Amino acid sequence: MKSRGSTQLSGAFRKGAFQRRIAGIFVLQLVALVICVTLGMFSMAPVGAVLVLIVIVTVLAWLAARREWRPVSALARLVEGWDEHPDIAALSPDRLGRGTDADLASLAGGLHTFAERIAGYTERERNFTRDASHELRSPLTVIKMSVDMLAEEQSLSGFGERSLQRIRRSAREMEALVEALLILAREKDNGVDDEVFVVNDAVGRELGFARDMLAGRPIEFELEEPARFALEGSPRVFAVLFWQLIRNACQQTERGRVVVTVMPDAVVVSNRTEPLPADAEAGGPARPNADRHGFELAIARRISERFAWPLELQTRASGENVARIRFPQVRVA
């Protein structure tokens, strides 16, 4: 069943017009060649003149076929330049001549509809990232400022301090989640905030945040730096990706160490779980399974795919979970 747009295009343009014109060109070429050969066979014209006529007929046929192919080439050039100078209106069937083949008009109409949908999607994505960036970050900023002000109160009880710490930790996690979702919501990286930054410094900052956020939990953070290198890219994107791996390692570790190792072309995050005390194993509540991959790794995978930083996951025989981010292009720090 044909759609309404296809029916309108079929009525406005002649279906098979391109094939008929090309067939006509080849038929005329064949007739001209037969005439030239006949003139040569019966010595009605010199051989040189016959050869010249054959060359002229062939060139004319090639020029005619090239002229018929010109609308297809123009459409290809238009689509090829979409990334730099998109012109959706140029694909409108209204701009096509009456002699355009219906198949070509149908292709242009389909591309025009598709381009309009892409433009609408891009506009919605731009509006979403702008509104979400403001509407989500503003409340988080208020929460962080309020927590900092309450933390200065001297009359807070132990329970109040623990509650403030949980609020601060949740606000930090929500801020990182918002940053990650906004990065993934954008169509592509525009390179506006790209710069050359030292990975070791960025890792050290994020580990400092992690120590503050997880103060009081039986988790230790260690940083090993057998190498030092820099990257050209967005330090904010790297920070979000690295924070997701830290969160995932902490989710998998109830008690133990999270070790971050900076290799010559990679950053490795591994969690080493220590056995629980005997009293906790005997009478305490059941601990969740430490070998699990949560929402943090799903976000980390999508960011690594977006920016071509391969993410490798490994679970060793000792129960140690290892996440490794590789960077194909590194610089000397």
Protein backbone atom coordinates (compact mmCIF):
# COMPACT_ATOMS: atom_id res chain seq x y z
CA MET A 1 0.00 0.00 0.00
CA LYS A 2 1.53 3.31 -1.10
CA SER A 3 1.67 6.27 1.24
CA ARG A 4 0.01 9.58 0.40
CA GLY A 5 3.43 11.23 -0.26
CA SER A 6 4.43 8.47 -2.67
CA THR A 7 1.13 8.80 -4.52
CA GLN A 8 1.56 12.56 -4.88
CA LEU A 9 5.11 12.13 -6.17
CA SER A 10 4.01 9.51 -8.68
CA GLY A 11 1.38 11.88 -9.97
CA ALA A 12 3.68 14.89 -10.20
CA PHE A 13 6.64 13.12 -11.84
CA ARG A 14 6.87 10.51 -14.57
CA LYS A 15 7.98 7.13 -13.33
CA GLY A 16 10.76 5.58 -15.39
CA ALA A 17 11.58 8.83 -17.22
CA PHE A 18 15.29 8.47 -16.47
CA GLN A 19 15.41 4.92 -17.84
CA ARG A 20 13.51 5.91 -20.97
CA ARG A 21 15.84 8.82 -21.69
CA ILE A 22 18.94 6.70 -21.18
CA ALA A 23 17.44 3.99 -23.41
CA GLY A 24 16.72 6.61 -26.06
CA ILE A 25 20.32 7.82 -25.96
CA PHE A 26 21.67 4.31 -26.47
CA VAL A 27 19.15 3.61 -29.28
CA LEU A 28 20.16 6.76 -31.15
CA GLN A 29 23.82 5.91 -30.61
CA LEU A 30 23.24 2.42 -31.99
CA VAL A 31 21.41 3.78 -35.06
CA ALA A 32 24.18 6.32 -35.72
CA LEU A 33 26.86 3.62 -35.39
CA VAL A 34 24.97 1.32 -37.77
CA ILE A 35 24.76 4.14 -40.31
CA CYS A 36 28.47 4.89 -39.95
CA VAL A 37 29.42 1.23 -40.35
CA THR A 38 27.12 0.90 -43.39
CA LEU A 39 28.73 3.93 -45.01
CA GLY A 40 32.14 2.42 -44.45
CA MET A 41 31.21 -1.08 -45.67
CA PHE A 42 29.80 0.19 -49.00
CA SER A 43 32.62 2.72 -49.48
CA MET A 44 30.16 5.57 -49.38
CA ALA A 45 32.51 7.49 -47.08
CA PRO A 46 36.25 7.36 -46.36
CA VAL A 47 37.37 5.18 -43.47
CA GLY A 48 38.84 8.17 -41.67
CA ALA A 49 35.56 10.05 -41.90
CA VAL A 50 33.66 7.00 -40.59
CA LEU A 51 36.01 6.75 -37.59
CA VAL A 52 35.60 10.45 -36.89
CA LEU A 53 31.80 10.07 -37.03
CA ILE A 54 31.94 7.11 -34.63
CA VAL A 55 34.03 9.15 -32.14
CA ILE A 56 31.65 12.12 -32.47
CA VAL A 57 28.58 9.93 -31.90
CA THR A 58 30.20 8.28 -28.88
CA VAL A 59 31.15 11.64 -27.32
CA LEU A 60 27.66 13.03 -27.91
CA ALA A 61 26.10 9.96 -26.32
CA TRP A 62 28.42 10.29 -23.32
CA LEU A 63 27.56 13.99 -22.92
CA ALA A 64 23.84 13.23 -23.15
CA ALA A 65 24.10 10.45 -20.53
CA ARG A 66 26.15 12.73 -18.29
CA ARG A 67 23.48 15.42 -18.58
CA GLU A 68 20.80 12.94 -17.54
CA TRP A 69 22.93 11.86 -14.55
CA ARG A 70 23.43 15.46 -13.40
CA PRO A 71 20.42 15.54 -11.00
CA VAL A 72 21.70 12.40 -9.26
CA SER A 73 25.17 13.95 -8.86
CA ALA A 74 23.66 17.17 -7.52
CA LEU A 75 21.65 15.20 -4.96
CA ALA A 76 24.77 13.28 -3.91
CA ARG A 77 26.77 16.51 -3.47
CA LEU A 78 23.95 18.03 -1.44
CA VAL A 79 23.79 15.05 0.92
CA GLU A 80 27.59 14.95 1.19
CA GLY A 81 27.67 18.54 2.42
CA TRP A 82 25.07 18.07 5.14
CA ASP A 83 27.59 17.99 7.98
CA GLU A 84 28.99 21.41 7.14
CA HIS A 85 26.14 23.30 5.47
CA PRO A 86 22.81 21.47 5.81
CA ASP A 87 20.15 22.75 3.41
CA ILE A 88 16.96 20.81 4.09
CA ALA A 89 14.81 22.99 1.84
CA ALA A 90 16.93 22.09 -1.19
CA LEU A 91 15.62 18.51 -0.94
CA SER A 92 12.00 19.57 -1.19
CA PRO A 93 10.24 17.94 -4.18
CA ASP A 94 8.81 21.37 -5.01
CA ARG A 95 12.26 22.44 -6.22
CA LEU A 96 12.57 19.56 -8.67
CA GLY A 97 11.80 20.07 -12.34
CA ARG A 98 8.84 18.50 -14.05
CA GLY A 99 11.11 16.22 -16.05
CA THR A 100 12.62 14.64 -12.94
CA ASP A 101 12.25 10.90 -12.70
CA ALA A 102 9.72 9.73 -10.09
CA ASP A 103 12.27 7.45 -8.43
CA LEU A 104 14.70 10.32 -7.98
CA ALA A 105 11.90 12.56 -6.72
CA SER A 106 10.85 9.85 -4.28
CA LEU A 107 14.45 9.55 -3.02
CA ALA A 108 14.72 13.33 -2.58
CA GLY A 109 11.36 13.43 -0.80
CA GLY A 110 12.39 10.64 1.56
CA LEU A 111 15.68 12.38 2.35
CA HIS A 112 13.79 15.65 2.91
CA THR A 113 11.43 14.00 5.42
CA PHE A 114 14.32 12.26 7.15
CA ALA A 115 16.32 15.50 7.34
CA GLU A 116 13.34 17.30 8.88
CA ARG A 117 13.06 14.61 11.54
CA ILE A 118 16.78 14.83 12.29
CA ALA A 119 16.53 18.63 12.55
CA GLY A 120 13.61 18.27 14.96
CA TYR A 121 15.52 15.75 17.03
CA THR A 122 18.56 18.04 17.15
CA GLU A 123 16.41 20.95 18.28
CA ARG A 124 14.78 18.86 21.02
CA GLU A 125 18.20 17.59 22.12
CA ARG A 126 19.52 21.16 22.31
CA ASN A 127 16.50 22.32 24.30
CA PHE A 128 16.71 19.34 26.65
CA THR A 129 20.40 19.74 27.42
CA ARG A 130 19.98 23.49 27.96
CA ASP A 131 16.95 23.15 30.23
CA ALA A 132 18.24 20.09 32.07
CA SER A 133 21.60 21.72 32.60
CA HIS A 134 19.94 24.68 34.32
CA GLU A 135 17.00 23.03 36.06
CA LEU A 136 19.02 20.14 37.49
CA ARG A 137 22.24 21.90 38.39
CA SER A 138 20.57 24.81 40.18
CA PRO A 139 18.87 22.67 42.89
CA LEU A 140 22.07 20.68 43.34
CA THR A 141 24.01 23.88 43.90
CA VAL A 142 21.49 24.99 46.53
CA ILE A 143 21.71 21.61 48.26
CA LYS A 144 25.52 21.71 48.35
CA MET A 145 25.58 25.26 49.70
CA SER A 146 22.99 24.40 52.36
CA VAL A 147 24.96 21.33 53.42
CA ASP A 148 28.15 23.38 53.74
CA MET A 149 26.34 25.96 55.88
CA LEU A 150 24.81 23.30 58.13
CA ALA A 151 28.18 21.60 58.51
CA GLU A 152 29.46 24.75 60.25
CA GLU A 153 26.86 24.43 63.00
CA GLN A 154 28.48 23.44 66.27
CA SER A 155 25.31 22.03 67.84
CA LEU A 156 24.83 19.18 65.38
CA SER A 157 24.50 15.74 66.91
CA GLY A 158 26.37 12.71 65.67
CA PHE A 159 23.26 11.57 63.82
CA GLY A 160 22.95 14.99 62.16
CA GLU A 161 26.57 14.90 61.01
CA ARG A 162 26.10 11.45 59.52
CA SER A 163 22.95 12.63 57.78
CA LEU A 164 24.79 15.63 56.35
CA GLN A 165 27.53 13.35 55.10
CA ARG A 166 24.98 11.15 53.34
CA ILE A 167 23.33 14.20 51.79
CA ARG A 168 26.70 15.51 50.60
CA ARG A 169 27.58 12.11 49.13
CA SER A 170 24.20 11.80 47.37
CA ALA A 171 24.47 15.34 45.98
CA ARG A 172 27.94 14.57 44.59
CA GLU A 173 26.70 11.34 43.01
CA MET A 174 23.68 13.11 41.54
CA GLU A 175 25.93 15.85 40.14
CA ALA A 176 28.16 13.26 38.48
CA LEU A 177 25.10 11.44 37.11
CA VAL A 178 23.66 14.65 35.66
CA GLU A 179 27.00 15.44 34.01
CA ALA A 180 27.18 11.94 32.53
CA LEU A 181 23.62 12.04 31.18
CA LEU A 182 24.12 15.49 29.66
CA ILE A 183 27.31 14.31 27.95
CA LEU A 184 25.51 11.30 26.50
CA ALA A 185 22.45 13.35 25.52
CA ARG A 186 24.46 15.57 23.22
CA GLU A 187 24.60 14.44 19.61
CA LYS A 188 28.38 14.62 19.43
CA ASP A 189 31.36 16.20 21.09
CA ASN A 190 31.86 19.68 19.64
CA GLY A 191 35.36 20.02 21.09
CA VAL A 192 34.63 23.38 22.75
CA ASP A 193 36.13 22.46 26.12
CA ASP A 194 38.97 20.30 24.75
CA GLU A 195 42.41 20.97 26.19
CA VAL A 196 45.62 19.15 27.03
CA PHE A 197 45.43 17.93 30.64
CA VAL A 198 47.54 15.62 32.77
CA VAL A 199 45.66 12.43 33.58
CA ASN A 200 47.51 11.89 36.85
CA ASP A 201 46.32 15.28 38.18
CA ALA A 202 42.71 14.59 37.19
CA VAL A 203 42.84 11.16 38.83
CA GLY A 204 44.27 12.66 42.02
CA ARG A 205 41.47 15.24 42.22
CA GLU A 206 38.73 12.66 41.76
CA LEU A 207 40.30 10.37 44.37
CA GLY A 208 40.32 13.29 46.79
CA PHE A 209 36.60 13.78 46.21
CA ALA A 210 36.03 10.06 46.69
CA ARG A 211 37.87 10.04 50.03
CA ASP A 212 35.75 12.95 51.25
CA MET A 213 32.50 11.45 50.07
CA LEU A 214 33.16 7.99 51.51
CA ALA A 215 34.65 9.08 54.80
CA GLY A 216 33.62 6.63 57.50
CA ARG A 217 33.28 3.62 55.22
CA PRO A 218 35.88 0.82 55.58
CA ILE A 219 37.28 1.46 52.10
CA GLU A 220 40.82 2.64 51.40
CA PHE A 221 41.98 4.33 48.23
CA GLU A 222 45.44 3.85 46.81
CA LEU A 223 47.03 5.60 43.85
CA GLU A 224 49.91 3.94 42.01
CA GLU A 225 51.68 5.99 39.34
CA PRO A 226 54.30 3.96 37.47
CA ALA A 227 53.70 6.29 34.50
CA ARG A 228 52.56 9.84 33.80
CA PHE A 229 50.88 11.05 30.62
CA ALA A 230 48.55 13.70 29.24
CA LEU A 231 45.52 13.67 26.97
CA GLU A 232 44.00 16.10 24.53
CA GLY A 233 40.29 16.17 25.21
CA SER A 234 37.72 17.26 27.74
CA PRO A 235 38.91 16.91 31.34
CA ARG A 236 35.28 17.08 32.46
CA VAL A 237 34.38 14.04 30.35
CA PHE A 238 37.37 12.12 31.71
CA ALA A 239 36.43 13.07 35.28
CA VAL A 240 32.87 11.83 34.77
CA LEU A 241 34.07 8.54 33.25
CA PHE A 242 36.64 7.96 35.98
CA TRP A 243 34.13 8.81 38.72
CA GLN A 244 31.70 6.21 37.36
CA LEU A 245 34.43 3.56 37.65
CA ILE A 246 35.23 4.67 41.20
CA ARG A 247 31.55 4.47 42.15
CA ASN A 248 31.26 1.02 40.61
CA ALA A 249 34.34 -0.21 42.48
CA CYS A 250 32.95 1.13 45.76
CA GLN A 251 29.60 -0.52 45.07
CA GLN A 252 31.38 -3.84 44.63
CA THR A 253 33.52 -3.41 47.75
CA GLU A 254 31.91 -3.54 51.17
CA ARG A 255 35.28 -3.54 52.90
CA GLY A 256 38.73 -3.35 51.35
CA ARG A 257 40.80 -1.29 48.98
CA VAL A 258 40.25 0.46 45.68
CA VAL A 259 43.54 0.72 43.81
CA VAL A 260 43.97 3.13 40.90
CA THR A 261 47.01 2.57 38.67
CA VAL A 262 48.12 4.99 35.97
CA MET A 263 49.83 3.00 33.22
CA PRO A 264 51.67 4.44 30.18
CA ASP A 265 48.48 4.43 28.08
CA ALA A 266 45.72 3.36 30.46
CA VAL A 267 44.09 3.91 33.84
CA VAL A 268 43.24 0.81 35.85
CA VAL A 269 40.71 0.72 38.70
CA SER A 270 40.65 -2.47 40.77
CA ASN A 271 38.84 -3.30 43.99
CA ARG A 272 40.25 -5.76 46.48
CA THR A 273 37.68 -6.97 48.97
CA GLU A 274 38.76 -7.96 52.47
CA PRO A 275 36.89 -10.65 54.41
CA LEU A 276 34.29 -9.41 56.89
CA PRO A 277 34.90 -9.81 60.61
CA ALA A 278 33.69 -13.04 62.17
CA ASP A 279 31.00 -11.32 64.24
CA ALA A 280 29.63 -9.55 61.17
CA GLU A 281 29.48 -12.81 59.23
CA ALA A 282 27.74 -14.62 62.08
CA GLY A 283 25.15 -12.14 63.28
CA GLY A 284 25.09 -9.27 60.83
CA PRO A 285 22.71 -8.89 57.93
CA ALA A 286 23.54 -10.56 54.66
CA ARG A 287 25.79 -8.51 52.43
CA PRO A 288 24.85 -7.97 48.80
CA ASN A 289 26.88 -9.73 46.19
CA ALA A 290 30.05 -7.77 45.60
CA ASP A 291 30.55 -9.10 42.07
CA ARG A 292 27.91 -7.02 40.31
CA HIS A 293 27.94 -4.45 37.53
CA GLY A 294 25.50 -1.61 38.05
CA PHE A 295 24.27 1.50 36.32
CA GLU A 296 27.69 3.15 36.73
CA LEU A 297 29.37 0.71 34.33
CA ALA A 298 26.57 1.13 31.78
CA ILE A 299 27.23 4.88 31.71
CA ALA A 300 31.00 4.32 31.64
CA ARG A 301 30.66 2.00 28.65
CA ARG A 302 28.61 4.51 26.69
CA ILE A 303 31.04 7.35 27.42
CA SER A 304 34.03 5.18 26.45
CA GLU A 305 32.35 4.26 23.17
CA ARG A 306 31.44 7.86 22.45
CA PHE A 307 35.00 9.15 22.89
CA ALA A 308 36.85 6.04 21.61
CA TRP A 309 38.44 5.23 24.98
CA PRO A 310 38.10 1.43 25.13
CA LEU A 311 36.88 0.08 28.47
CA GLU A 312 37.94 -3.44 29.47
CA LEU A 313 36.47 -5.38 32.40
CA GLN A 314 38.05 -8.39 34.04
CA THR A 315 37.34 -10.56 37.08
CA ARG A 316 40.40 -12.43 38.28
CA ALA A 317 40.49 -15.80 39.98
CA SER A 318 41.13 -14.11 43.34
CA GLY A 319 37.80 -12.28 43.06
CA GLU A 320 39.41 -8.95 42.19
CA ASN A 321 37.43 -6.85 39.73
CA VAL A 322 39.48 -4.79 37.30
CA ALA A 323 38.31 -1.98 35.00
CA ARG A 324 40.83 -0.65 32.50
CA ILE A 325 40.45 2.44 30.30
CA ARG A 326 42.82 2.55 27.35
CA PHE A 327 43.75 5.74 25.53
CA PRO A 328 44.94 5.21 21.94
CA GLN A 329 46.50 8.69 21.67
CA VAL A 330 48.48 9.94 24.64
CA ARG A 331 50.95 12.79 25.13
CA VAL A 332 54.02 13.21 27.24
CA ALA A 333 53.17 15.02 30.47
